[in-house]
Amino acid sequence: MYSSGSRFIISNLVIGLLMSFIFLVYSSVLTARLVIIIMAYTAISMTAGYICCSAYIILADRYFDMLAGSFALSFLQTWIPMALITVAVCTILSLWPFIIGMIHKSVPATIVTSLVVIVLRQFMITKNPSDQESLLQILLVAAATFIFSFLIFRKKVTELY
């Protein structure tokens, strides 16, 4: 009924359809997970940055006596919680430029939003005498981010139908 050449073409079409189906679903899952990936990347990168910068300061002070006084391990009791708070806040805030960039489909919008977020974070920090976000500020930022994300994605998803 079918020649070997036509069977090859048909099997190639079936493989093409299956591969298209599999990878379209796969790419859709990746896109949906992109938000999680961005947040995880931000947290991991910031943690690595804190470790590198802290190690540099500790080593520079040890070998070149760059800081007034000397470094004590007790300083880490202050540095580590501050670093963890900053990583948590920036991980949450990393969603804002992503969402604005996706809405406007624009890289400049993403960059401008990140600059605005940085300025707003500075206002948050200066409102607290410890020069760090308070638990209430962190919860408010997380709640605002969640609500904003939910409303935007809900609106954008309904536009697709």
N, C-alpha and C. Protein backbone atom coordinates (compact mmCIF):
# COMPACT_ATOMS: atom_id res chain seq x y z
N MET A 1 0.83 -1.19 0.00
CA MET A 1 0.00 0.00 0.00
C MET A 1 0.87 1.25 0.00
N TYR A 2 1.77 1.42 0.98
CA TYR A 2 2.70 2.54 0.99
C TYR A 2 4.08 2.05 0.62
N SER A 3 4.79 2.84 -0.13
CA SER A 3 6.17 2.48 -0.46
C SER A 3 7.05 2.79 0.75
N SER A 4 8.26 2.29 0.73
CA SER A 4 9.16 2.54 1.87
C SER A 4 9.47 4.02 1.99
N GLY A 5 9.55 4.72 0.89
CA GLY A 5 9.80 6.16 0.93
C GLY A 5 8.65 6.92 1.57
N SER A 6 7.42 6.54 1.23
CA SER A 6 6.27 7.24 1.82
C SER A 6 6.11 6.87 3.29
N ARG A 7 6.46 5.63 3.68
CA ARG A 7 6.42 5.25 5.10
C ARG A 7 7.43 6.08 5.89
N PHE A 8 8.57 6.30 5.30
CA PHE A 8 9.59 7.13 5.97
C PHE A 8 9.07 8.54 6.15
N ILE A 9 8.42 9.09 5.14
CA ILE A 9 7.88 10.45 5.23
C ILE A 9 6.79 10.51 6.30
N ILE A 10 5.91 9.51 6.31
CA ILE A 10 4.82 9.49 7.30
C ILE A 10 5.39 9.35 8.71
N SER A 11 6.37 8.45 8.89
CA SER A 11 6.96 8.29 10.22
C SER A 11 7.70 9.56 10.63
N ASN A 12 8.31 10.23 9.67
CA ASN A 12 8.99 11.49 9.96
C ASN A 12 7.97 12.55 10.38
N LEU A 13 6.81 12.57 9.75
CA LEU A 13 5.76 13.52 10.13
C LEU A 13 5.25 13.22 11.54
N VAL A 14 5.05 11.94 11.84
CA VAL A 14 4.58 11.55 13.17
C VAL A 14 5.61 11.94 14.22
N ILE A 15 6.88 11.66 13.94
CA ILE A 15 7.94 12.05 14.87
C ILE A 15 7.96 13.56 15.05
N GLY A 16 7.82 14.29 13.94
CA GLY A 16 7.78 15.75 14.02
C GLY A 16 6.62 16.26 14.86
N LEU A 17 5.45 15.64 14.68
CA LEU A 17 4.29 16.03 15.48
C LEU A 17 4.50 15.71 16.95
N LEU A 18 5.02 14.51 17.23
CA LEU A 18 5.27 14.14 18.62
C LEU A 18 6.31 15.04 19.27
N MET A 19 7.38 15.30 18.55
CA MET A 19 8.43 16.17 19.10
C MET A 19 7.90 17.58 19.33
N SER A 20 7.11 18.08 18.39
CA SER A 20 6.52 19.41 18.56
C SER A 20 5.64 19.45 19.79
N PHE A 21 4.81 18.42 19.93
CA PHE A 21 3.91 18.36 21.08
C PHE A 21 4.69 18.31 22.38
N ILE A 22 5.67 17.43 22.46
CA ILE A 22 6.44 17.26 23.68
C ILE A 22 7.16 18.55 24.06
N PHE A 23 7.84 19.15 23.08
CA PHE A 23 8.63 20.33 23.43
C PHE A 23 7.80 21.59 23.58
N LEU A 24 6.63 21.67 22.96
CA LEU A 24 5.75 22.81 23.23
C LEU A 24 5.22 22.74 24.66
N VAL A 25 4.85 21.53 25.09
CA VAL A 25 4.39 21.37 26.47
C VAL A 25 5.55 21.65 27.42
N TYR A 26 6.73 21.13 27.09
CA TYR A 26 7.92 21.34 27.92
C TYR A 26 8.25 22.83 28.04
N SER A 27 8.22 23.54 26.92
CA SER A 27 8.53 24.98 26.97
C SER A 27 7.47 25.75 27.74
N SER A 28 6.22 25.30 27.67
CA SER A 28 5.16 25.95 28.45
C SER A 28 5.40 25.76 29.94
N VAL A 29 5.81 24.57 30.32
CA VAL A 29 6.11 24.31 31.73
C VAL A 29 7.30 25.15 32.18
N LEU A 30 8.32 25.26 31.32
CA LEU A 30 9.48 26.08 31.67
C LEU A 30 9.10 27.54 31.84
N THR A 31 8.25 28.04 30.96
CA THR A 31 7.80 29.43 31.06
C THR A 31 7.05 29.65 32.37
N ALA A 32 6.19 28.70 32.72
CA ALA A 32 5.44 28.82 33.97
C ALA A 32 6.38 28.76 35.17
N ARG A 33 7.44 28.00 35.06
CA ARG A 33 8.40 27.86 36.16
C ARG A 33 9.44 28.98 36.16
N LEU A 34 9.43 29.82 35.14
CA LEU A 34 10.43 30.87 35.02
C LEU A 34 10.46 31.78 36.24
N VAL A 35 9.32 32.06 36.79
CA VAL A 35 9.25 32.92 37.96
C VAL A 35 10.03 32.30 39.10
N ILE A 36 9.81 31.03 39.32
CA ILE A 36 10.53 30.32 40.40
C ILE A 36 12.02 30.31 40.11
N ILE A 37 12.38 30.11 38.85
CA ILE A 37 13.80 30.08 38.48
C ILE A 37 14.44 31.44 38.73
N ILE A 38 13.76 32.51 38.39
CA ILE A 38 14.29 33.85 38.61
C ILE A 38 14.51 34.10 40.09
N MET A 39 13.53 33.72 40.89
CA MET A 39 13.66 33.93 42.34
C MET A 39 14.81 33.09 42.91
N ALA A 40 14.91 31.85 42.49
CA ALA A 40 15.99 30.97 42.99
C ALA A 40 17.35 31.50 42.56
N TYR A 41 17.45 31.93 41.30
CA TYR A 41 18.72 32.46 40.80
C TYR A 41 19.12 33.72 41.58
N THR A 42 18.16 34.58 41.84
CA THR A 42 18.45 35.79 42.61
C THR A 42 18.96 35.44 44.00
N ALA A 43 18.27 34.53 44.67
CA ALA A 43 18.67 34.14 46.02
C ALA A 43 20.05 33.50 46.04
N ILE A 44 20.31 32.58 45.12
CA ILE A 44 21.60 31.89 45.07
C ILE A 44 22.72 32.87 44.73
N SER A 45 22.48 33.73 43.75
CA SER A 45 23.51 34.70 43.34
C SER A 45 23.82 35.68 44.46
N MET A 46 22.79 36.17 45.12
CA MET A 46 23.03 37.11 46.21
C MET A 46 23.76 36.46 47.37
N THR A 47 23.41 35.22 47.68
CA THR A 47 24.09 34.51 48.76
C THR A 47 25.56 34.31 48.42
N ALA A 48 25.83 33.90 47.19
CA ALA A 48 27.23 33.74 46.75
C ALA A 48 27.97 35.07 46.79
N GLY A 49 27.30 36.15 46.38
CA GLY A 49 27.90 37.47 46.43
C GLY A 49 28.23 37.91 47.85
N TYR A 50 27.30 37.67 48.77
CA TYR A 50 27.56 37.99 50.17
C TYR A 50 28.76 37.20 50.71
N ILE A 51 28.82 35.92 50.38
CA ILE A 51 29.94 35.10 50.86
C ILE A 51 31.26 35.62 50.32
N CYS A 52 31.29 35.92 49.01
CA CYS A 52 32.53 36.42 48.39
C CYS A 52 32.95 37.78 48.97
N CYS A 53 32.01 38.70 49.08
CA CYS A 53 32.34 40.03 49.59
C CYS A 53 32.75 39.98 51.06
N SER A 54 32.05 39.17 51.83
CA SER A 54 32.41 39.05 53.25
C SER A 54 33.79 38.42 53.41
N ALA A 55 34.06 37.38 52.62
CA ALA A 55 35.38 36.74 52.68
C ALA A 55 36.46 37.73 52.28
N TYR A 56 36.21 38.55 51.27
CA TYR A 56 37.17 39.57 50.84
C TYR A 56 37.46 40.56 51.96
N ILE A 57 36.40 41.04 52.60
CA ILE A 57 36.59 42.01 53.69
C ILE A 57 37.36 41.38 54.84
N ILE A 58 37.00 40.16 55.20
CA ILE A 58 37.69 39.48 56.30
C ILE A 58 39.16 39.27 55.97
N LEU A 59 39.44 38.78 54.76
CA LEU A 59 40.83 38.53 54.37
C LEU A 59 41.61 39.83 54.20
N ALA A 60 40.98 40.85 53.62
CA ALA A 60 41.66 42.13 53.45
C ALA A 60 42.01 42.74 54.80
N ASP A 61 41.10 42.61 55.76
CA ASP A 61 41.38 43.14 57.10
C ASP A 61 42.48 42.33 57.77
N ARG A 62 42.46 41.05 57.57
CA ARG A 62 43.46 40.19 58.23
C ARG A 62 44.87 40.47 57.71
N TYR A 63 45.01 40.61 56.39
CA TYR A 63 46.34 40.75 55.80
C TYR A 63 46.79 42.19 55.62
N PHE A 64 45.84 43.12 55.47
CA PHE A 64 46.21 44.51 55.20
C PHE A 64 45.71 45.49 56.26
N ASP A 65 45.06 44.99 57.31
CA ASP A 65 44.55 45.81 58.40
C ASP A 65 43.76 47.01 57.87
N MET A 66 42.73 46.71 57.07
CA MET A 66 41.95 47.76 56.39
C MET A 66 40.84 48.36 57.26
N LEU A 67 40.37 47.63 58.25
CA LEU A 67 39.27 48.12 59.07
C LEU A 67 39.79 48.64 60.39
N ALA A 68 39.08 49.59 60.94
CA ALA A 68 39.44 50.08 62.28
C ALA A 68 39.17 48.95 63.27
N GLY A 69 40.13 48.62 64.08
CA GLY A 69 39.98 47.49 64.99
C GLY A 69 40.28 46.20 64.24
N SER A 70 39.83 45.09 64.76
CA SER A 70 40.07 43.83 64.08
C SER A 70 38.75 43.08 63.94
N PHE A 71 38.71 42.20 62.98
CA PHE A 71 37.51 41.42 62.71
C PHE A 71 37.33 40.37 63.80
N ALA A 72 36.14 40.23 64.30
CA ALA A 72 35.82 39.20 65.29
C ALA A 72 34.71 38.32 64.73
N LEU A 73 34.74 37.05 65.07
CA LEU A 73 33.70 36.13 64.60
C LEU A 73 32.32 36.54 65.07
N SER A 74 32.26 37.30 66.15
CA SER A 74 30.96 37.75 66.65
C SER A 74 30.26 38.68 65.65
N PHE A 75 31.04 39.31 64.76
CA PHE A 75 30.44 40.16 63.73
C PHE A 75 29.52 39.36 62.82
N LEU A 76 29.84 38.08 62.63
CA LEU A 76 29.03 37.24 61.76
C LEU A 76 27.62 37.04 62.31
N GLN A 77 27.46 37.17 63.62
CA GLN A 77 26.12 37.05 64.21
C GLN A 77 25.22 38.19 63.76
N THR A 78 25.80 39.30 63.40
CA THR A 78 25.03 40.41 62.86
C THR A 78 24.95 40.33 61.34
N TRP A 79 26.06 40.01 60.69
CA TRP A 79 26.12 39.98 59.23
C TRP A 79 25.20 38.94 58.63
N ILE A 80 25.20 37.74 59.17
CA ILE A 80 24.44 36.64 58.57
C ILE A 80 22.94 36.92 58.57
N PRO A 81 22.32 37.31 59.71
CA PRO A 81 20.89 37.63 59.65
C PRO A 81 20.58 38.79 58.71
N MET A 82 21.44 39.81 58.69
CA MET A 82 21.21 40.94 57.78
C MET A 82 21.28 40.47 56.32
N ALA A 83 22.24 39.61 56.03
CA ALA A 83 22.38 39.09 54.67
C ALA A 83 21.16 38.26 54.29
N LEU A 84 20.69 37.42 55.19
CA LEU A 84 19.53 36.58 54.89
C LEU A 84 18.28 37.42 54.66
N ILE A 85 18.11 38.47 55.46
CA ILE A 85 16.96 39.36 55.27
C ILE A 85 17.05 40.05 53.91
N THR A 86 18.22 40.55 53.57
CA THR A 86 18.40 41.23 52.29
C THR A 86 18.15 40.28 51.13
N VAL A 87 18.65 39.06 51.23
CA VAL A 87 18.43 38.06 50.17
C VAL A 87 16.94 37.77 50.03
N ALA A 88 16.24 37.61 51.15
CA ALA A 88 14.80 37.33 51.10
C ALA A 88 14.03 38.49 50.46
N VAL A 89 14.33 39.70 50.88
CA VAL A 89 13.62 40.86 50.33
C VAL A 89 13.91 41.03 48.83
N CYS A 90 15.17 40.92 48.46
CA CYS A 90 15.51 41.10 47.04
C CYS A 90 14.98 39.96 46.18
N THR A 91 14.86 38.78 46.75
CA THR A 91 14.26 37.67 46.01
C THR A 91 12.80 37.98 45.71
N ILE A 92 12.11 38.52 46.69
CA ILE A 92 10.71 38.90 46.47
C ILE A 92 10.63 40.06 45.48
N LEU A 93 11.47 41.07 45.68
CA LEU A 93 11.44 42.24 44.81
C LEU A 93 11.89 41.94 43.38
N SER A 94 12.59 40.85 43.17
CA SER A 94 13.04 40.51 41.81
C SER A 94 11.87 40.20 40.88
N LEU A 95 10.73 39.92 41.46
CA LEU A 95 9.55 39.65 40.62
C LEU A 95 9.01 40.91 39.96
N TRP A 96 9.16 42.06 40.61
CA TRP A 96 8.60 43.29 40.07
C TRP A 96 9.16 43.64 38.68
N PRO A 97 10.47 43.70 38.50
CA PRO A 97 10.98 44.01 37.15
C PRO A 97 10.57 42.94 36.13
N PHE A 98 10.55 41.69 36.55
CA PHE A 98 10.15 40.61 35.65
C PHE A 98 8.72 40.80 35.18
N ILE A 99 7.82 41.07 36.11
CA ILE A 99 6.40 41.22 35.76
C ILE A 99 6.18 42.45 34.88
N ILE A 100 6.78 43.58 35.25
CA ILE A 100 6.63 44.80 34.45
C ILE A 100 7.22 44.59 33.06
N GLY A 101 8.37 43.94 32.99
CA GLY A 101 8.97 43.66 31.69
C GLY A 101 8.10 42.76 30.83
N MET A 102 7.45 41.77 31.46
CA MET A 102 6.56 40.87 30.71
C MET A 102 5.31 41.61 30.24
N ILE A 103 4.79 42.50 31.08
CA ILE A 103 3.59 43.25 30.69
C ILE A 103 3.89 44.15 29.49
N HIS A 104 4.99 44.87 29.56
CA HIS A 104 5.33 45.82 28.50
C HIS A 104 6.12 45.18 27.36
N LYS A 105 6.53 43.93 27.56
CA LYS A 105 7.35 43.23 26.57
C LYS A 105 8.55 44.09 26.18
N SER A 106 9.25 44.56 27.22
CA SER A 106 10.31 45.52 26.99
C SER A 106 11.45 45.32 27.98
N VAL A 107 12.66 45.23 27.46
CA VAL A 107 13.84 45.15 28.32
C VAL A 107 14.07 46.48 29.04
N PRO A 108 13.94 47.64 28.37
CA PRO A 108 14.11 48.91 29.09
C PRO A 108 13.13 49.05 30.26
N ALA A 109 11.89 48.58 30.08
CA ALA A 109 10.92 48.66 31.18
C ALA A 109 11.39 47.82 32.36
N THR A 110 12.01 46.69 32.08
CA THR A 110 12.54 45.83 33.14
C THR A 110 13.66 46.54 33.89
N ILE A 111 14.56 47.15 33.15
CA ILE A 111 15.71 47.83 33.77
C ILE A 111 15.25 49.04 34.57
N VAL A 112 14.36 49.83 34.02
CA VAL A 112 13.85 51.00 34.74
C VAL A 112 13.11 50.56 36.01
N THR A 113 12.33 49.50 35.91
CA THR A 113 11.62 49.01 37.08
C THR A 113 12.60 48.57 38.16
N SER A 114 13.70 47.91 37.77
CA SER A 114 14.67 47.50 38.79
C SER A 114 15.29 48.71 39.47
N LEU A 115 15.54 49.77 38.71
CA LEU A 115 16.09 50.98 39.33
C LEU A 115 15.08 51.61 40.29
N VAL A 116 13.82 51.63 39.91
CA VAL A 116 12.77 52.17 40.78
C VAL A 116 12.66 51.32 42.05
N VAL A 117 12.73 50.00 41.89
CA VAL A 117 12.66 49.10 43.05
C VAL A 117 13.83 49.35 44.00
N ILE A 118 15.02 49.59 43.44
CA ILE A 118 16.19 49.87 44.28
C ILE A 118 15.96 51.14 45.10
N VAL A 119 15.44 52.17 44.46
CA VAL A 119 15.18 53.43 45.17
C VAL A 119 14.12 53.22 46.25
N LEU A 120 13.06 52.50 45.92
CA LEU A 120 12.01 52.25 46.91
C LEU A 120 12.54 51.43 48.09
N ARG A 121 13.42 50.48 47.81
CA ARG A 121 14.01 49.69 48.89
C ARG A 121 14.85 50.58 49.81
N GLN A 122 15.54 51.55 49.24
CA GLN A 122 16.33 52.46 50.07
C GLN A 122 15.42 53.26 51.00
N PHE A 123 14.24 53.66 50.51
CA PHE A 123 13.29 54.34 51.38
C PHE A 123 12.81 53.43 52.50
N MET A 124 12.59 52.15 52.18
CA MET A 124 12.17 51.19 53.20
C MET A 124 13.22 51.05 54.29
N ILE A 125 14.47 50.94 53.87
CA ILE A 125 15.56 50.72 54.82
C ILE A 125 15.72 51.92 55.75
N THR A 126 15.64 53.12 55.19
CA THR A 126 15.87 54.31 56.01
C THR A 126 14.74 54.58 57.00
N LYS A 127 13.61 53.94 56.84
CA LYS A 127 12.50 54.12 57.78
C LYS A 127 12.71 53.33 59.07
N ASN A 128 13.68 52.44 59.07
CA ASN A 128 13.93 51.60 60.23
C ASN A 128 15.29 51.96 60.84
N PRO A 129 15.36 52.19 62.15
CA PRO A 129 16.62 52.60 62.77
C PRO A 129 17.75 51.58 62.62
N SER A 130 17.41 50.30 62.39
CA SER A 130 18.46 49.28 62.26
C SER A 130 19.05 49.24 60.85
N ASP A 131 18.62 50.14 59.97
CA ASP A 131 19.06 50.16 58.57
C ASP A 131 18.83 48.81 57.88
N GLN A 132 17.75 48.17 58.22
CA GLN A 132 17.37 46.89 57.64
C GLN A 132 15.85 46.83 57.65
N GLU A 133 15.28 46.06 56.74
CA GLU A 133 13.83 45.93 56.71
C GLU A 133 13.34 45.23 57.97
N SER A 134 12.19 45.70 58.46
CA SER A 134 11.57 45.04 59.61
C SER A 134 10.72 43.87 59.10
N LEU A 135 10.30 43.03 60.00
CA LEU A 135 9.46 41.89 59.62
C LEU A 135 8.16 42.39 58.99
N LEU A 136 7.59 43.45 59.54
CA LEU A 136 6.36 44.01 58.99
C LEU A 136 6.58 44.50 57.55
N GLN A 137 7.69 45.18 57.30
CA GLN A 137 7.98 45.65 55.95
C GLN A 137 8.14 44.47 54.98
N ILE A 138 8.82 43.42 55.43
CA ILE A 138 9.00 42.24 54.58
C ILE A 138 7.65 41.61 54.25
N LEU A 139 6.80 41.48 55.25
CA LEU A 139 5.47 40.90 55.02
C LEU A 139 4.63 41.76 54.10
N LEU A 140 4.73 43.09 54.26
CA LEU A 140 3.98 43.99 53.38
C LEU A 140 4.47 43.90 51.93
N VAL A 141 5.78 43.83 51.75
CA VAL A 141 6.34 43.70 50.40
C VAL A 141 5.92 42.37 49.78
N ALA A 142 5.99 41.30 50.57
CA ALA A 142 5.58 39.98 50.06
C ALA A 142 4.10 39.97 49.71
N ALA A 143 3.26 40.55 50.57
CA ALA A 143 1.82 40.58 50.30
C ALA A 143 1.51 41.43 49.06
N ALA A 144 2.13 42.60 48.97
CA ALA A 144 1.91 43.46 47.79
C ALA A 144 2.38 42.77 46.52
N THR A 145 3.51 42.09 46.58
CA THR A 145 4.02 41.38 45.41
C THR A 145 3.08 40.26 45.01
N PHE A 146 2.61 39.50 45.99
CA PHE A 146 1.68 38.40 45.69
C PHE A 146 0.39 38.92 45.09
N ILE A 147 -0.20 39.95 45.70
CA ILE A 147 -1.46 40.50 45.20
C ILE A 147 -1.28 41.08 43.80
N PHE A 148 -0.22 41.86 43.61
CA PHE A 148 0.07 42.47 42.31
C PHE A 148 0.27 41.38 41.25
N SER A 149 1.05 40.36 41.58
CA SER A 149 1.30 39.26 40.64
C SER A 149 0.01 38.54 40.29
N PHE A 150 -0.77 38.25 41.31
CA PHE A 150 -2.03 37.54 41.09
C PHE A 150 -2.96 38.33 40.18
N LEU A 151 -3.12 39.62 40.46
CA LEU A 151 -4.02 40.45 39.65
C LEU A 151 -3.52 40.59 38.22
N ILE A 152 -2.22 40.81 38.04
CA ILE A 152 -1.67 40.98 36.70
C ILE A 152 -1.81 39.70 35.89
N PHE A 153 -1.41 38.57 36.49
CA PHE A 153 -1.48 37.32 35.74
C PHE A 153 -2.93 36.91 35.49
N ARG A 154 -3.81 37.24 36.43
CA ARG A 154 -5.23 36.94 36.22
C ARG A 154 -5.78 37.75 35.06
N LYS A 155 -5.39 39.01 34.99
CA LYS A 155 -5.85 39.89 33.90
C LYS A 155 -5.25 39.43 32.57
N LYS A 156 -3.96 39.13 32.56
CA LYS A 156 -3.30 38.73 31.32
C LYS A 156 -3.79 37.39 30.82
N VAL A 157 -4.09 36.46 31.72
CA VAL A 157 -4.57 35.15 31.30
C VAL A 157 -5.96 35.27 30.69
N THR A 158 -6.83 36.13 31.25
CA THR A 158 -8.16 36.29 30.68
C THR A 158 -8.11 36.98 29.33
N GLU A 159 -7.07 37.76 29.07
CA GLU A 159 -6.93 38.39 27.76
C GLU A 159 -6.63 37.36 26.67
N LEU A 160 -6.11 36.22 27.05
CA LEU A 160 -5.77 35.19 26.07
C LEU A 160 -7.00 34.47 25.54
N TYR A 161 -8.11 34.50 26.28
CA TYR A 161 -9.31 33.76 25.87
C TYR A 161 -10.24 34.60 25.05
